[in-house]
Amino acid sequence: MLDPVDRQIIHLMTIEPRASFRTIAEVTGISDQTAARRYRKLSESAGLRVLGVVTGARAGWVDWFLRLQTTPGSADAVAEALARRPDTRWVNLASGGTEIICTVQASSPEQRDALFLRGLPGSRRVVQISAHSILHNFTPMAWQGIRQALSAEQIAKLAQLTANAKLARHVPVALGPAGVLPGETASPGHEGDLLPEDEPLLAELGRDGRASHAALAATIHWHESTVRRRIEELRRNGLLHFEVDMDARRLGMKISALLWLKVEPSQLDAAGRALAGHFEVPFAAATTGPTNLVVTALFRDTQHLYEYLTGPLAALPGVSSVETAPIIRTLKRTGSVP
């Protein structure tokens, strides 16, 4: 289990995922070196990762849930192949090991068709596929189970330190004729667009959202200040956000499940908003398909799952049916193999 300082570091990451170790130290009351050491230990022992993710809806992309039924004994191989695909974000084995549930982010109809029409049906090991387009995410913030460690004073201090750091980076200096710093290259394209030139930067942030500006610049061959400004532009325009991911078992949540709910359309929004307030729910979204609300939920044990199904979930408005699919193995989380 994690101690209070570890939990504070994780909570802090959900607010300012690229905060420096100096900022982490000042907020949590430890040294810079201890902050760095604890973060590395959390990465190794709890799978803590900060990943840069394109906000698909803002970029015009579409997120999908796929449910695949496989022949007995073949689910592992199919799931591993899906996990290697760059367009999958989550890949889970569920329901006794014969069902694969994964999420896909399709940036174009061609990419969607490449997976749905040509990528999977040719496999004789896949016997059934259903696809559900994600229409609305009710849980845009990080799971509240990792957002309960910092005090109000610490959150205010983090906000002030972050604001001060941004002001320090924008001290007026003499700019070159193109409006950039001497020796700097301009950010690619227009500030409000997601462009092909951004792909290498986004790929690196997708691997490590806390990679330093200097490390990113060296890898993708941009000027360091260009990297910094482009990240700020993408975040400011809602095209890029950062997700904090970790193994929930280190927080005592040993069971995870996907819930597929059928809700009366007039009650869908109310049910989704209510789910977003449940401690057990890190993700809830409205979808297309025979069920119209999908939920990822975390539980301490099977008794906790039972109490949730018969208590808070049963009290939701307009729910006519619930299908529960316990997750038995996760092969890919938030776009990368854990």
Protein backbone atom coordinates (compact mmCIF):
# COMPACT_ATOMS: atom_id res chain seq x y z
CA MET A 1 0.00 0.00 0.00
CA LEU A 2 1.04 3.60 -0.51
CA ASP A 3 1.92 6.08 2.24
CA PRO A 4 0.42 9.62 2.45
CA VAL A 5 3.32 11.28 0.59
CA ASP A 6 3.10 8.80 -2.28
CA ARG A 7 -0.62 9.52 -2.55
CA GLN A 8 0.06 13.27 -2.54
CA ILE A 9 2.52 12.90 -5.42
CA ILE A 10 -0.03 10.92 -7.44
CA HIS A 11 -2.79 13.45 -6.71
CA LEU A 12 -0.47 16.30 -7.70
CA MET A 13 0.21 14.60 -11.05
CA THR A 14 -3.51 14.63 -11.85
CA ILE A 15 -3.52 18.43 -11.46
CA GLU A 16 -0.18 19.33 -13.05
CA PRO A 17 1.23 16.19 -14.71
CA ARG A 18 4.45 17.86 -15.89
CA ALA A 19 5.24 19.55 -12.59
CA SER A 20 8.96 19.66 -11.82
CA PHE A 21 10.38 17.67 -8.95
CA ARG A 22 11.15 21.00 -7.27
CA THR A 23 7.46 21.91 -7.41
CA ILE A 24 6.47 18.45 -6.14
CA ALA A 25 8.93 18.86 -3.28
CA GLU A 26 7.66 22.30 -2.28
CA VAL A 27 4.02 21.18 -2.25
CA THR A 28 4.57 17.90 -0.37
CA GLY A 29 7.28 19.14 2.02
CA ILE A 30 10.08 16.83 0.91
CA SER A 31 13.39 17.42 -0.88
CA ASP A 32 13.83 17.51 -4.66
CA GLN A 33 15.89 14.33 -4.51
CA THR A 34 13.27 12.53 -2.43
CA ALA A 35 10.54 13.61 -4.84
CA ALA A 36 12.48 12.19 -7.80
CA ARG A 37 13.29 8.97 -5.93
CA ARG A 38 9.69 8.45 -4.84
CA TYR A 39 8.39 9.06 -8.37
CA ARG A 40 10.81 6.48 -9.77
CA LYS A 41 9.79 3.98 -7.09
CA LEU A 42 6.09 4.57 -7.85
CA SER A 43 6.80 4.01 -11.53
CA GLU A 44 8.54 0.72 -10.80
CA SER A 45 6.31 -0.69 -8.07
CA ALA A 46 2.88 0.80 -8.81
CA GLY A 47 3.11 1.29 -12.57
CA LEU A 48 2.66 5.06 -12.22
CA ARG A 49 2.82 6.70 -15.65
CA VAL A 50 1.95 10.11 -17.06
CA LEU A 51 1.02 9.93 -20.74
CA GLY A 52 0.23 12.65 -23.26
CA VAL A 53 -3.00 11.86 -25.10
CA VAL A 54 -4.68 13.58 -28.04
CA THR A 55 -8.17 14.75 -27.08
CA GLY A 56 -9.93 12.84 -29.84
CA ALA A 57 -13.24 14.70 -29.75
CA ARG A 58 -11.48 18.06 -30.04
CA ALA A 59 -9.37 16.80 -32.96
CA GLY A 60 -12.36 15.32 -34.78
CA TRP A 61 -11.35 11.73 -33.98
CA VAL A 62 -13.77 9.05 -32.80
CA ASP A 63 -13.19 6.66 -29.90
CA TRP A 64 -14.70 3.16 -30.08
CA PHE A 65 -15.27 0.25 -27.75
CA LEU A 66 -14.82 -3.13 -29.44
CA ARG A 67 -16.08 -6.40 -28.01
CA LEU A 68 -14.66 -9.53 -29.63
CA GLN A 69 -15.70 -13.09 -28.95
CA THR A 70 -12.99 -15.61 -29.79
CA THR A 71 -12.72 -19.35 -30.12
CA PRO A 72 -11.60 -21.12 -26.91
CA GLY A 73 -7.88 -20.86 -26.28
CA SER A 74 -7.22 -18.11 -28.83
CA ALA A 75 -8.09 -14.94 -26.90
CA ASP A 76 -4.54 -14.39 -25.58
CA ALA A 77 -2.96 -14.38 -29.04
CA VAL A 78 -5.63 -12.09 -30.52
CA ALA A 79 -5.42 -9.71 -27.56
CA GLU A 80 -1.64 -9.53 -27.78
CA ALA A 81 -1.89 -8.71 -31.49
CA LEU A 82 -4.37 -5.94 -30.70
CA ALA A 83 -2.09 -4.57 -27.99
CA ARG A 84 0.69 -4.17 -30.56
CA ARG A 85 -1.48 -2.01 -32.79
CA PRO A 86 -0.79 1.75 -32.49
CA ASP A 87 -4.49 2.64 -32.69
CA THR A 88 -5.58 0.64 -29.61
CA ARG A 89 -5.54 2.29 -26.19
CA TRP A 90 -6.94 -0.30 -23.76
CA VAL A 91 -6.96 -4.06 -24.33
CA ASN A 92 -8.58 -6.32 -21.72
CA LEU A 93 -9.44 -9.98 -21.42
CA ALA A 94 -12.80 -10.50 -19.77
CA SER A 95 -15.63 -12.96 -19.16
CA GLY A 96 -13.64 -16.11 -18.53
CA GLY A 97 -10.96 -15.39 -21.11
CA THR A 98 -12.97 -15.76 -24.31
CA GLU A 99 -13.94 -12.10 -24.69
CA ILE A 100 -11.62 -9.22 -25.60
CA ILE A 101 -12.69 -5.66 -24.86
CA CYS A 102 -10.58 -2.87 -26.28
CA THR A 103 -10.79 0.82 -27.07
CA VAL A 104 -9.66 2.25 -30.39
CA GLN A 105 -9.03 5.86 -31.34
CA ALA A 106 -9.73 6.32 -35.06
CA SER A 107 -8.40 9.55 -36.54
CA SER A 108 -10.15 8.98 -39.86
CA PRO A 109 -12.83 6.78 -41.48
CA GLU A 110 -10.03 5.02 -43.35
CA GLN A 111 -8.30 4.05 -40.11
CA ARG A 112 -11.59 2.86 -38.64
CA ASP A 113 -12.36 0.75 -41.71
CA ALA A 114 -8.84 -0.69 -41.72
CA LEU A 115 -9.53 -2.18 -38.30
CA PHE A 116 -13.23 -3.01 -38.50
CA LEU A 117 -13.51 -4.18 -42.10
CA ARG A 118 -10.06 -5.52 -42.91
CA GLY A 119 -8.03 -5.78 -39.71
CA LEU A 120 -10.03 -8.28 -37.66
CA PRO A 121 -12.81 -10.18 -39.47
CA GLY A 122 -10.29 -12.16 -41.51
CA SER A 123 -9.13 -13.92 -38.36
CA ARG A 124 -10.89 -17.26 -38.01
CA ARG A 125 -10.28 -17.07 -34.29
CA VAL A 126 -12.64 -14.06 -33.94
CA VAL A 127 -16.22 -15.32 -34.12
CA GLN A 128 -18.13 -12.13 -33.25
CA ILE A 129 -17.43 -8.39 -33.16
CA SER A 130 -19.53 -5.52 -31.85
CA ALA A 131 -18.45 -1.88 -32.06
CA HIS A 132 -19.73 0.96 -29.90
CA SER A 133 -18.89 4.58 -30.73
CA ILE A 134 -18.21 6.69 -27.63
CA LEU A 135 -20.56 9.69 -27.77
CA HIS A 136 -19.89 11.48 -24.49
CA ASN A 137 -17.40 11.01 -21.65
CA PHE A 138 -18.94 11.74 -18.24
CA THR A 139 -15.58 11.36 -16.41
CA PRO A 140 -13.04 13.72 -18.03
CA MET A 141 -11.05 14.10 -14.80
CA ALA A 142 -8.72 11.54 -13.25
CA TRP A 143 -10.29 8.90 -11.00
CA GLN A 144 -11.22 10.42 -7.65
CA GLY A 145 -9.54 7.50 -5.88
CA ILE A 146 -6.20 9.19 -6.64
CA ARG A 147 -7.49 12.74 -6.06
CA GLN A 148 -8.03 12.72 -2.30
CA ALA A 149 -4.57 13.25 -0.82
CA LEU A 150 -3.68 16.95 -1.15
CA SER A 151 -5.15 19.54 1.20
CA ALA A 152 -6.82 22.70 -0.08
CA GLU A 153 -3.73 24.66 0.99
CA GLN A 154 -1.43 22.35 -0.98
CA ILE A 155 -3.62 22.63 -4.08
CA ALA A 156 -3.56 26.43 -3.79
CA LYS A 157 0.22 26.36 -3.40
CA LEU A 158 0.58 24.16 -6.48
CA ALA A 159 -1.58 26.58 -8.48
CA GLN A 160 0.59 29.51 -7.39
CA LEU A 161 3.87 27.74 -8.17
CA THR A 162 2.56 26.69 -11.59
CA ALA A 163 1.43 30.23 -12.37
CA ASN A 164 4.79 31.64 -11.27
CA ALA A 165 6.65 29.16 -13.48
CA LYS A 166 4.56 30.15 -16.51
CA LEU A 167 5.18 33.84 -15.86
CA ALA A 168 8.91 33.20 -15.57
CA ARG A 169 8.93 31.49 -18.96
CA HIS A 170 7.18 34.42 -20.61
CA VAL A 171 9.42 37.28 -19.51
CA PRO A 172 9.52 39.75 -22.47
CA VAL A 173 12.70 39.44 -24.53
CA ALA A 174 13.83 40.73 -27.89
CA LEU A 175 12.29 38.55 -30.60
CA GLY A 176 13.59 37.83 -34.05
CA PRO A 177 11.88 38.97 -37.26
CA ALA A 178 9.58 35.92 -37.27
CA GLY A 179 8.40 36.67 -33.71
CA VAL A 180 10.45 33.88 -32.14
CA LEU A 181 13.44 33.74 -29.85
CA PRO A 182 16.88 34.07 -31.47
CA GLY A 183 17.97 30.63 -32.67
CA GLU A 184 14.47 29.19 -32.24
CA THR A 185 12.27 27.76 -34.96
CA ALA A 186 8.59 28.61 -35.17
CA SER A 187 6.01 26.11 -33.97
CA PRO A 188 4.74 23.98 -36.84
CA GLY A 189 1.51 25.04 -38.50
CA HIS A 190 -1.31 26.97 -36.90
CA GLU A 191 -1.72 27.07 -33.16
CA GLY A 192 -5.33 25.82 -33.17
CA ASP A 193 -4.77 22.81 -35.43
CA LEU A 194 -3.41 19.31 -34.96
CA LEU A 195 -0.95 18.82 -37.80
CA PRO A 196 1.17 15.99 -39.23
CA GLU A 197 4.27 17.83 -37.98
CA ASP A 198 3.06 17.24 -34.42
CA GLU A 199 3.17 13.46 -34.75
CA PRO A 200 6.72 12.88 -33.44
CA LEU A 201 6.08 15.12 -30.43
CA LEU A 202 2.79 13.40 -29.65
CA ALA A 203 4.38 9.97 -30.07
CA GLU A 204 7.07 10.79 -27.50
CA LEU A 205 4.55 12.28 -25.05
CA GLY A 206 2.45 9.15 -25.52
CA ARG A 207 5.40 7.15 -24.24
CA ASP A 208 6.34 9.49 -21.40
CA GLY A 209 4.25 12.57 -20.67
CA ARG A 210 6.85 13.82 -18.19
CA ALA A 211 9.80 13.73 -20.59
CA SER A 212 11.70 16.99 -20.25
CA HIS A 213 11.58 19.63 -22.96
CA ALA A 214 15.31 19.09 -23.53
CA ALA A 215 14.90 15.32 -23.95
CA LEU A 216 11.96 15.77 -26.31
CA ALA A 217 13.87 18.34 -28.36
CA ALA A 218 16.88 16.06 -28.69
CA THR A 219 14.70 13.13 -29.79
CA ILE A 220 12.53 14.90 -32.38
CA HIS A 221 15.16 17.46 -33.47
CA TRP A 222 13.22 20.58 -32.54
CA HIS A 223 14.47 23.57 -30.58
CA GLU A 224 13.74 23.16 -26.86
CA SER A 225 11.70 26.36 -26.63
CA THR A 226 9.68 25.26 -29.67
CA VAL A 227 8.81 22.02 -27.87
CA ARG A 228 7.76 23.94 -24.77
CA ARG A 229 5.61 26.39 -26.68
CA ARG A 230 3.97 23.72 -28.86
CA ILE A 231 2.97 21.66 -25.81
CA GLU A 232 1.46 24.76 -24.23
CA GLU A 233 -0.39 25.60 -27.46
CA LEU A 234 -1.84 22.11 -27.82
CA ARG A 235 -2.95 22.05 -24.18
CA ARG A 236 -4.42 25.55 -24.34
CA ASN A 237 -6.47 24.60 -27.40
CA GLY A 238 -7.74 21.39 -25.83
CA LEU A 239 -5.97 19.14 -28.32
CA LEU A 240 -3.62 17.53 -25.81
CA HIS A 241 -4.22 16.35 -22.27
CA PHE A 242 -2.27 14.17 -19.86
CA GLU A 243 -3.55 11.02 -18.20
CA VAL A 244 -2.20 9.57 -14.97
CA ASP A 245 -2.26 5.79 -14.95
CA MET A 246 -1.29 3.31 -12.25
CA ASP A 247 -2.07 -0.16 -10.97
CA ALA A 248 -5.24 0.29 -8.89
CA ARG A 249 -4.35 -2.80 -6.86
CA ARG A 250 -1.78 -0.67 -5.01
CA LEU A 251 -4.74 1.37 -3.78
CA GLY A 252 -6.57 -1.71 -2.57
CA MET A 253 -8.87 -2.07 -5.60
CA LYS A 254 -8.21 -5.68 -6.58
CA ILE A 255 -11.12 -6.29 -8.95
CA SER A 256 -12.02 -4.37 -12.11
CA ALA A 257 -15.04 -4.85 -14.31
CA LEU A 258 -16.78 -3.38 -17.32
CA LEU A 259 -20.49 -2.71 -16.96
CA TRP A 260 -22.76 -2.35 -19.96
CA LEU A 261 -25.98 -0.54 -19.06
CA LYS A 262 -29.18 -0.04 -21.01
CA VAL A 263 -30.72 3.27 -19.90
CA GLU A 264 -33.85 5.06 -21.00
CA PRO A 265 -32.75 7.89 -23.34
CA SER A 266 -34.52 10.51 -21.22
CA GLN A 267 -32.48 9.40 -18.19
CA LEU A 268 -29.13 8.79 -19.91
CA ASP A 269 -27.54 12.12 -19.00
CA ALA A 270 -28.71 11.96 -15.40
CA ALA A 271 -27.46 8.39 -14.99
CA GLY A 272 -24.08 9.24 -16.53
CA ARG A 273 -23.61 12.26 -14.28
CA ALA A 274 -24.54 10.24 -11.24
CA LEU A 275 -22.03 7.52 -12.16
CA ALA A 276 -19.30 10.13 -12.47
CA GLY A 277 -19.76 10.83 -8.77
CA HIS A 278 -19.36 7.21 -7.67
CA PHE A 279 -16.03 6.46 -6.01
CA GLU A 280 -15.77 3.11 -7.81
CA VAL A 281 -16.03 4.61 -11.31
CA PRO A 282 -12.95 5.98 -13.13
CA PHE A 283 -14.71 5.96 -16.51
CA ALA A 284 -18.31 6.27 -17.72
CA ALA A 285 -19.44 7.15 -21.23
CA ALA A 286 -22.52 7.19 -23.43
CA THR A 287 -22.20 4.92 -26.47
CA THR A 288 -24.02 3.66 -29.49
CA GLY A 289 -25.25 0.08 -29.62
CA PRO A 290 -27.82 -2.12 -27.85
CA THR A 291 -26.55 -0.77 -24.52
CA ASN A 292 -25.97 2.98 -24.28
CA LEU A 293 -23.78 3.47 -21.20
CA VAL A 294 -20.44 1.78 -20.55
CA VAL A 295 -18.68 1.91 -17.19
CA THR A 296 -15.26 0.85 -15.95
CA ALA A 297 -15.44 0.18 -12.21
CA LEU A 298 -12.96 -0.83 -9.49
CA PHE A 299 -13.66 -2.81 -6.34
CA ARG A 300 -11.86 -4.09 -3.27
CA ASP A 301 -13.32 -7.60 -3.62
CA THR A 302 -16.35 -9.51 -4.91
CA GLN A 303 -18.44 -8.45 -1.91
CA HIS A 304 -17.75 -4.82 -2.76
CA LEU A 305 -18.81 -5.53 -6.37
CA TYR A 306 -22.07 -7.13 -5.16
CA GLU A 307 -22.82 -4.23 -2.83
CA TYR A 308 -22.23 -1.77 -5.65
CA LEU A 309 -24.46 -3.61 -8.12
CA THR A 310 -27.30 -3.88 -5.61
CA GLY A 311 -26.81 -0.43 -4.09
CA PRO A 312 -25.51 2.68 -5.92
CA LEU A 313 -25.89 1.14 -9.39
CA ALA A 314 -29.39 -0.16 -8.73
CA ALA A 315 -30.42 3.33 -7.59
CA LEU A 316 -29.54 4.97 -10.93
CA PRO A 317 -32.49 6.44 -12.82
CA GLY A 318 -33.79 4.71 -15.94
CA VAL A 319 -31.57 1.60 -15.92
CA SER A 320 -33.38 -1.38 -17.42
CA SER A 321 -30.49 -3.89 -17.65
CA VAL A 322 -26.88 -4.35 -16.58
CA GLU A 323 -24.26 -6.72 -17.98
CA THR A 324 -21.14 -7.26 -15.87
CA ALA A 325 -17.86 -8.37 -17.47
CA PRO A 326 -15.05 -8.90 -14.90
CA ILE A 327 -11.62 -8.09 -16.31
CA ILE A 328 -9.20 -10.96 -15.78
CA ARG A 329 -6.15 -9.48 -17.52
CA THR A 330 -5.10 -6.10 -18.91
CA LEU A 331 -2.65 -6.22 -21.81
CA LYS A 332 -2.59 -2.52 -22.64
CA ARG A 333 -3.48 0.58 -20.64
CA THR A 334 -3.83 4.16 -21.87
CA GLY A 335 -2.10 3.43 -25.14
CA SER A 336 0.94 1.50 -23.94
CA VAL A 337 1.75 -1.96 -22.66
CA PRO A 338 2.15 -1.85 -18.85
